[in-house]
């Protein structure tokens, strides 16, 4: 649920990223730490949905993946 999530700036605020909904995603604590300290990356697609890029040791082609569990109607 959203109340268990952390807001994450896709482009870091400290690096000039904006503080707006189009530059943010909600992540659970575990996945938030993976983005900050791991090898995963997150980006926003042109349709506004986030996608996640796995590290090369998981997928050498780094094909984006999406969470399809909570899709907008």
PDB file of N, CA and C in Angstrom:
ATOM      1  N   UNK A   1       0.828  -1.209   0.000  1.00  0.00           N
ATOM      2  CA  UNK A   1       0.000   0.000   0.000  1.00  0.00           C
ATOM      3  C   UNK A   1       0.869   1.268   0.000  1.00  0.00           C
ATOM      4  N   UNK A   2       0.370   2.352  -0.538  1.00  0.00           N
ATOM      5  CA  UNK A   2       1.158   3.591  -0.615  1.00  0.00           C
ATOM      6  C   UNK A   2       1.718   4.051   0.730  1.00  0.00           C
ATOM      7  N   UNK A   3       0.967   3.849   1.808  1.00  0.00           N
ATOM      8  CA  UNK A   3       1.446   4.322   3.111  1.00  0.00           C
ATOM      9  C   UNK A   3       2.676   3.550   3.592  1.00  0.00           C
ATOM     10  N   UNK A   4       2.986   2.425   2.974  1.00  0.00           N
ATOM     11  CA  UNK A   4       4.184   1.663   3.327  1.00  0.00           C
ATOM     12  C   UNK A   4       5.348   1.977   2.397  1.00  0.00           C
ATOM     13  N   UNK A   5       5.168   2.906   1.481  1.00  0.00           N
ATOM     14  CA  UNK A   5       6.170   3.194   0.452  1.00  0.00           C
ATOM     15  C   UNK A   5       6.950   4.471   0.742  1.00  0.00           C
ATOM     16  N   UNK A   6       8.088   4.573   0.075  1.00  0.00           N
ATOM     17  CA  UNK A   6       8.919   5.778   0.100  1.00  0.00           C
ATOM     18  C   UNK A   6       8.801   6.444  -1.259  1.00  0.00           C
ATOM     19  N   UNK A   7       8.765   7.773  -1.254  1.00  0.00           N
ATOM     20  CA  UNK A   7       8.827   8.498  -2.509  1.00  0.00           C
ATOM     21  C   UNK A   7      10.273   8.534  -2.995  1.00  0.00           C
ATOM     22  N   UNK A   8      10.475   8.298  -4.269  1.00  0.00           N
ATOM     23  CA  UNK A   8      11.818   8.294  -4.840  1.00  0.00           C
ATOM     24  C   UNK A   8      11.858   9.235  -6.037  1.00  0.00           C
ATOM     25  N   UNK A   9      12.835  10.150  -6.048  1.00  0.00           N
ATOM     26  CA  UNK A   9      13.055  11.014  -7.213  1.00  0.00           C
ATOM     27  C   UNK A   9      13.787  10.203  -8.272  1.00  0.00           C
ATOM     28  N   UNK A  10      13.227  10.113  -9.468  1.00  0.00           N
ATOM     29  CA  UNK A  10      13.880   9.374 -10.548  1.00  0.00           C
ATOM     30  C   UNK A  10      15.187  10.069 -10.922  1.00  0.00           C
ATOM     31  N   UNK A  11      15.140  11.369 -11.130  1.00  0.00           N
ATOM     32  CA  UNK A  11      16.350  12.184 -11.302  1.00  0.00           C
ATOM     33  C   UNK A  11      16.554  12.907  -9.970  1.00  0.00           C
ATOM     34  N   UNK A  12      17.627  12.600  -9.312  1.00  0.00           N
ATOM     35  CA  UNK A  12      17.862  13.071  -7.947  1.00  0.00           C
ATOM     36  C   UNK A  12      17.701  14.582  -7.808  1.00  0.00           C
ATOM     37  N   UNK A  13      17.018  14.982  -6.757  1.00  0.00           N
ATOM     38  CA  UNK A  13      16.814  16.391  -6.456  1.00  0.00           C
ATOM     39  C   UNK A  13      18.159  17.086  -6.301  1.00  0.00           C
ATOM     40  N   UNK A  14      19.105  16.433  -5.659  1.00  0.00           N
ATOM     41  CA  UNK A  14      20.441  17.005  -5.450  1.00  0.00           C
ATOM     42  C   UNK A  14      21.190  17.232  -6.761  1.00  0.00           C
ATOM     43  N   UNK A  15      20.781  16.517  -7.805  1.00  0.00           N
ATOM     44  CA  UNK A  15      21.415  16.661  -9.124  1.00  0.00           C
ATOM     45  C   UNK A  15      20.577  17.514 -10.072  1.00  0.00           C
ATOM     46  N   UNK A  16      19.627  18.256  -9.523  1.00  0.00           N
ATOM     47  CA  UNK A  16      18.817  19.146 -10.349  1.00  0.00           C
ATOM     48  C   UNK A  16      17.471  18.591 -10.767  1.00  0.00           C
ATOM     49  N   UNK A  17      17.117  17.407 -10.298  1.00  0.00           N
ATOM     50  CA  UNK A  17      15.806  16.835 -10.608  1.00  0.00           C
ATOM     51  C   UNK A  17      14.704  17.625  -9.932  1.00  0.00           C
ATOM     52  N   UNK A  18      13.550  17.645 -10.546  1.00  0.00           N
ATOM     53  CA  UNK A  18      12.424  18.389  -9.998  1.00  0.00           C
ATOM     54  C   UNK A  18      11.689  17.582  -8.928  1.00  0.00           C
ATOM     55  N   UNK A  19      11.016  18.297  -8.059  1.00  0.00           N
ATOM     56  CA  UNK A  19      10.174  17.656  -7.056  1.00  0.00           C
ATOM     57  C   UNK A  19       8.738  17.738  -7.561  1.00  0.00           C
ATOM     58  N   UNK A  20       8.378  16.776  -8.405  1.00  0.00           N
ATOM     59  CA  UNK A  20       7.037  16.730  -8.971  1.00  0.00           C
ATOM     60  C   UNK A  20       6.669  15.267  -9.211  1.00  0.00           C
ATOM     61  N   UNK A  21       5.398  15.020  -9.428  1.00  0.00           N
ATOM     62  CA  UNK A  21       4.938  13.642  -9.606  1.00  0.00           C
ATOM     63  C   UNK A  21       5.525  12.977 -10.836  1.00  0.00           C
ATOM     64  N   UNK A  22       5.796  13.743 -11.886  1.00  0.00           N
ATOM     65  CA  UNK A  22       6.348  13.141 -13.104  1.00  0.00           C
ATOM     66  C   UNK A  22       7.803  12.716 -12.953  1.00  0.00           C
ATOM     67  N   UNK A  23       8.430  13.089 -11.846  1.00  0.00           N
ATOM     68  CA  UNK A  23       9.814  12.704 -11.567  1.00  0.00           C
ATOM     69  C   UNK A  23       9.889  11.819 -10.325  1.00  0.00           C
ATOM     70  N   UNK A  24       8.818  11.127 -10.020  1.00  0.00           N
ATOM     71  CA  UNK A  24       8.828  10.336  -8.788  1.00  0.00           C
ATOM     72  C   UNK A  24       8.098   9.013  -8.958  1.00  0.00           C
ATOM     73  N   UNK A  25       8.492   8.075  -8.125  1.00  0.00           N
ATOM     74  CA  UNK A  25       7.832   6.775  -8.051  1.00  0.00           C
ATOM     75  C   UNK A  25       7.720   6.403  -6.579  1.00  0.00           C
ATOM     76  N   UNK A  26       6.761   5.564  -6.261  1.00  0.00           N
ATOM     77  CA  UNK A  26       6.646   4.998  -4.919  1.00  0.00           C
ATOM     78  C   UNK A  26       7.300   3.633  -4.913  1.00  0.00           C
ATOM     79  N   UNK A  27       8.172   3.414  -3.949  1.00  0.00           N
ATOM     80  CA  UNK A  27       8.882   2.143  -3.823  1.00  0.00           C
ATOM     81  C   UNK A  27       8.805   1.666  -2.384  1.00  0.00           C
ATOM     82  N   UNK A  28       8.686   0.357  -2.195  1.00  0.00           N
ATOM     83  CA  UNK A  28       8.772  -0.175  -0.836  1.00  0.00           C
ATOM     84  C   UNK A  28      10.211   0.031  -0.358  1.00  0.00           C
ATOM     85  N   UNK A  29      10.432  -0.075   0.922  1.00  0.00           N
ATOM     86  CA  UNK A  29      11.750   0.166   1.498  1.00  0.00           C
ATOM     87  C   UNK A  29      12.845  -0.686   0.874  1.00  0.00           C
ATOM     88  N   UNK A  30      12.564  -1.967   0.665  1.00  0.00           N
ATOM     89  CA  UNK A  30      13.567  -2.870   0.080  1.00  0.00           C
ATOM     90  C   UNK A  30      13.970  -2.396  -1.311  1.00  0.00           C
ATOM     91  N   UNK A  31      12.976  -2.121  -2.162  1.00  0.00           N
ATOM     92  CA  UNK A  31      13.289  -1.724  -3.531  1.00  0.00           C
ATOM     93  C   UNK A  31      13.892  -0.315  -3.608  1.00  0.00           C
ATOM     94  N   UNK A  32      13.521   0.540  -2.666  1.00  0.00           N
ATOM     95  CA  UNK A  32      14.130   1.868  -2.608  1.00  0.00           C
ATOM     96  C   UNK A  32      15.634   1.739  -2.324  1.00  0.00           C
ATOM     97  N   UNK A  33      15.976   0.870  -1.387  1.00  0.00           N
ATOM     98  CA  UNK A  33      17.397   0.633  -1.089  1.00  0.00           C
ATOM     99  C   UNK A  33      18.110   0.008  -2.290  1.00  0.00           C
ATOM    100  N   UNK A  34      17.449  -0.897  -3.003  1.00  0.00           N
ATOM    101  CA  UNK A  34      18.056  -1.514  -4.194  1.00  0.00           C
ATOM    102  C   UNK A  34      18.391  -0.474  -5.254  1.00  0.00           C
ATOM    103  N   UNK A  35      17.507   0.501  -5.430  1.00  0.00           N
ATOM    104  CA  UNK A  35      17.758   1.565  -6.409  1.00  0.00           C
ATOM    105  C   UNK A  35      18.937   2.424  -5.959  1.00  0.00           C
ATOM    106  N   UNK A  36      18.977   2.784  -4.678  1.00  0.00           N
ATOM    107  CA  UNK A  36      20.042   3.665  -4.184  1.00  0.00           C
ATOM    108  C   UNK A  36      21.387   2.965  -4.014  1.00  0.00           C
ATOM    109  N   UNK A  37      21.370   1.724  -3.580  1.00  0.00           N
ATOM    110  CA  UNK A  37      22.619   1.053  -3.228  1.00  0.00           C
ATOM    111  C   UNK A  37      22.935  -0.152  -4.099  1.00  0.00           C
ATOM    112  N   UNK A  38      22.011  -0.529  -4.935  1.00  0.00           N
ATOM    113  CA  UNK A  38      22.217  -1.700  -5.781  1.00  0.00           C
ATOM    114  C   UNK A  38      22.580  -1.314  -7.193  1.00  0.00           C
ATOM    115  N   UNK A  39      22.270  -2.181  -8.090  1.00  0.00           N
ATOM    116  CA  UNK A  39      22.630  -1.985  -9.482  1.00  0.00           C
ATOM    117  C   UNK A  39      21.421  -1.710 -10.368  1.00  0.00           C
ATOM    118  N   UNK A  40      20.230  -1.687  -9.786  1.00  0.00           N
ATOM    119  CA  UNK A  40      19.016  -1.418 -10.554  1.00  0.00           C
ATOM    120  C   UNK A  40      18.884   0.069 -10.828  1.00  0.00           C
ATOM    121  N   UNK A  41      18.193   0.408 -11.914  1.00  0.00           N
ATOM    122  CA  UNK A  41      17.877   1.795 -12.237  1.00  0.00           C
ATOM    123  C   UNK A  41      16.385   1.886 -12.532  1.00  0.00           C
ATOM    124  N   UNK A  42      15.825   3.073 -12.345  1.00  0.00           N
ATOM    125  CA  UNK A  42      14.422   3.315 -12.662  1.00  0.00           C
ATOM    126  C   UNK A  42      14.354   4.523 -13.587  1.00  0.00           C
ATOM    127  N   UNK A  43      13.407   4.483 -14.508  1.00  0.00           N
ATOM    128  CA  UNK A  43      13.156   5.617 -15.392  1.00  0.00           C
ATOM    129  C   UNK A  43      11.660   5.653 -15.694  1.00  0.00           C
ATOM    130  N   UNK A  44      11.201   6.807 -16.152  1.00  0.00           N
ATOM    131  CA  UNK A  44       9.794   6.981 -16.488  1.00  0.00           C
ATOM    132  C   UNK A  44       9.655   6.886 -18.005  1.00  0.00           C
ATOM    133  N   UNK A  45       8.745   6.025 -18.448  1.00  0.00           N
ATOM    134  CA  UNK A  45       8.494   5.883 -19.880  1.00  0.00           C
ATOM    135  C   UNK A  45       7.714   7.086 -20.398  1.00  0.00           C
ATOM    136  N   UNK A  46       7.593   7.198 -21.690  1.00  0.00           N
ATOM    137  CA  UNK A  46       6.864   8.322 -22.286  1.00  0.00           C
ATOM    138  C   UNK A  46       5.382   8.309 -21.927  1.00  0.00           C
ATOM    139  N   UNK A  47       4.847   7.137 -21.569  1.00  0.00           N
ATOM    140  CA  UNK A  47       3.434   7.066 -21.169  1.00  0.00           C
ATOM    141  C   UNK A  47       3.234   7.346 -19.678  1.00  0.00           C
ATOM    142  N   UNK A  48       4.307   7.702 -18.965  1.00  0.00           N
ATOM    143  CA  UNK A  48       4.211   8.057 -17.554  1.00  0.00           C
ATOM    144  C   UNK A  48       4.405   6.905 -16.587  1.00  0.00           C
ATOM    145  N   UNK A  49       4.527   5.691 -17.074  1.00  0.00           N
ATOM    146  CA  UNK A  49       4.737   4.539 -16.196  1.00  0.00           C
ATOM    147  C   UNK A  49       6.228   4.342 -15.926  1.00  0.00           C
ATOM    148  N   UNK A  50       6.578   3.913 -14.709  1.00  0.00           N
ATOM    149  CA  UNK A  50       7.987   3.626 -14.439  1.00  0.00           C
ATOM    150  C   UNK A  50       8.385   2.270 -15.000  1.00  0.00           C
ATOM    151  N   UNK A  51       9.639   2.153 -15.351  1.00  0.00           N
ATOM    152  CA  UNK A  51      10.197   0.858 -15.720  1.00  0.00           C
ATOM    153  C   UNK A  51      11.554   0.746 -15.046  1.00  0.00           C
ATOM    154  N   UNK A  52      11.952  -0.472 -14.804  1.00  0.00           N
ATOM    155  CA  UNK A  52      13.140  -0.749 -14.014  1.00  0.00           C
ATOM    156  C   UNK A  52      14.142  -1.512 -14.869  1.00  0.00           C
ATOM    157  N   UNK A  53      15.391  -1.070 -14.812  1.00  0.00           N
ATOM    158  CA  UNK A  53      16.456  -1.690 -15.598  1.00  0.00           C
ATOM    159  C   UNK A  53      17.300  -2.561 -14.684  1.00  0.00           C
ATOM    160  N   UNK A  54      17.304  -3.871 -14.939  1.00  0.00           N
ATOM    161  CA  UNK A  54      18.089  -4.774 -14.088  1.00  0.00           C
ATOM    162  C   UNK A  54      19.579  -4.642 -14.372  1.00  0.00           C
ATOM    163  N   UNK A  55      20.400  -5.043 -13.430  1.00  0.00           N
ATOM    164  CA  UNK A  55      21.845  -5.023 -13.669  1.00  0.00           C
ATOM    165  C   UNK A  55      22.221  -6.060 -14.726  1.00  0.00           C
ATOM    166  N   UNK A  56      23.369  -5.858 -15.341  1.00  0.00           N
ATOM    167  CA  UNK A  56      23.830  -6.741 -16.412  1.00  0.00           C
ATOM    168  C   UNK A  56      24.034  -8.180 -15.940  1.00  0.00           C
ATOM    169  N   UNK A  57      24.331  -8.393 -14.668  1.00  0.00           N
ATOM    170  CA  UNK A  57      24.520  -9.771 -14.205  1.00  0.00           C
ATOM    171  C   UNK A  57      23.191 -10.525 -14.107  1.00  0.00           C
ATOM    172  N   UNK A  58      22.071  -9.828 -14.122  1.00  0.00           N
ATOM    173  CA  UNK A  58      20.757 -10.474 -14.166  1.00  0.00           C
ATOM    174  C   UNK A  58      20.289 -10.606 -15.614  1.00  0.00           C
ATOM    175  N   UNK A  59      20.435  -9.543 -16.384  1.00  0.00           N
ATOM    176  CA  UNK A  59      20.063  -9.548 -17.799  1.00  0.00           C
ATOM    177  C   UNK A  59      21.138  -8.774 -18.557  1.00  0.00           C
ATOM    178  N   UNK A  60      21.999  -9.467 -19.289  1.00  0.00           N
ATOM    179  CA  UNK A  60      23.081  -8.785 -20.004  1.00  0.00           C
ATOM    180  C   UNK A  60      22.590  -7.692 -20.954  1.00  0.00           C
ATOM    181  N   UNK A  61      21.366  -7.796 -21.456  1.00  0.00           N
ATOM    182  CA  UNK A  61      20.825  -6.776 -22.353  1.00  0.00           C
ATOM    183  C   UNK A  61      20.131  -5.641 -21.605  1.00  0.00           C
ATOM    184  N   UNK A  62      19.973  -5.804 -20.293  1.00  0.00           N
ATOM    185  CA  UNK A  62      19.343  -4.802 -19.415  1.00  0.00           C
ATOM    186  C   UNK A  62      17.972  -4.375 -19.945  1.00  0.00           C
ATOM    187  N   UNK A  63      17.169  -5.363 -20.331  1.00  0.00           N
ATOM    188  CA  UNK A  63      15.818  -5.085 -20.829  1.00  0.00           C
ATOM    189  C   UNK A  63      14.949  -4.560 -19.694  1.00  0.00           C
ATOM    190  N   UNK A  64      14.217  -3.476 -19.941  1.00  0.00           N
ATOM    191  CA  UNK A  64      13.361  -2.902 -18.898  1.00  0.00           C
ATOM    192  C   UNK A  64      12.239  -3.853 -18.496  1.00  0.00           C
ATOM    193  N   UNK A  65      11.899  -3.819 -17.215  1.00  0.00           N
ATOM    194  CA  UNK A  65      10.772  -4.590 -16.687  1.00  0.00           C
ATOM    195  C   UNK A  65       9.815  -3.621 -16.000  1.00  0.00           C
ATOM    196  N   UNK A  66       8.564  -4.044 -15.906  1.00  0.00           N
ATOM    197  CA  UNK A  66       7.526  -3.227 -15.281  1.00  0.00           C
ATOM    198  C   UNK A  66       6.796  -4.035 -14.247  1.00  0.00           C
ATOM    199  N   UNK A  67       6.282  -3.358 -13.233  1.00  0.00           N
ATOM    200  CA  UNK A  67       5.375  -3.984 -12.283  1.00  0.00           C
ATOM    201  C   UNK A  67       3.987  -3.897 -12.899  1.00  0.00           C
ATOM    202  N   UNK A  68       3.435  -5.030 -13.286  1.00  0.00           N
ATOM    203  CA  UNK A  68       2.108  -5.028 -13.904  1.00  0.00           C
ATOM    204  C   UNK A  68       1.000  -5.344 -12.898  1.00  0.00           C
ATOM    205  N   UNK A  69       1.362  -5.507 -11.630  1.00  0.00           N
ATOM    206  CA  UNK A  69       0.382  -5.848 -10.610  1.00  0.00           C
ATOM    207  C   UNK A  69      -0.610  -4.700 -10.363  1.00  0.00           C
ATOM    208  N   UNK A  70      -0.123  -3.491 -10.345  1.00  0.00           N
ATOM    209  CA  UNK A  70      -0.958  -2.328 -10.022  1.00  0.00           C
ATOM    210  C   UNK A  70      -1.057  -1.394 -11.230  1.00  0.00           C
ATOM    211  N   UNK A  71      -1.772  -1.793 -12.232  1.00  0.00           N
ATOM    212  CA  UNK A  71      -1.949  -0.948 -13.425  1.00  0.00           C
ATOM    213  C   UNK A  71      -3.083   0.033 -13.213  1.00  0.00           C
ATOM    214  N   UNK A  72      -2.946   1.213 -13.839  1.00  0.00           N
ATOM    215  CA  UNK A  72      -4.032   2.183 -13.825  1.00  0.00           C
ATOM    216  C   UNK A  72      -5.189   1.666 -14.663  1.00  0.00           C
ATOM    217  N   UNK A  73      -6.386   2.072 -14.329  1.00  0.00           N
ATOM    218  CA  UNK A  73      -7.568   1.662 -15.115  1.00  0.00           C
ATOM    219  C   UNK A  73      -7.655   2.468 -16.389  1.00  0.00           C
TER     220      UNK A  73
END
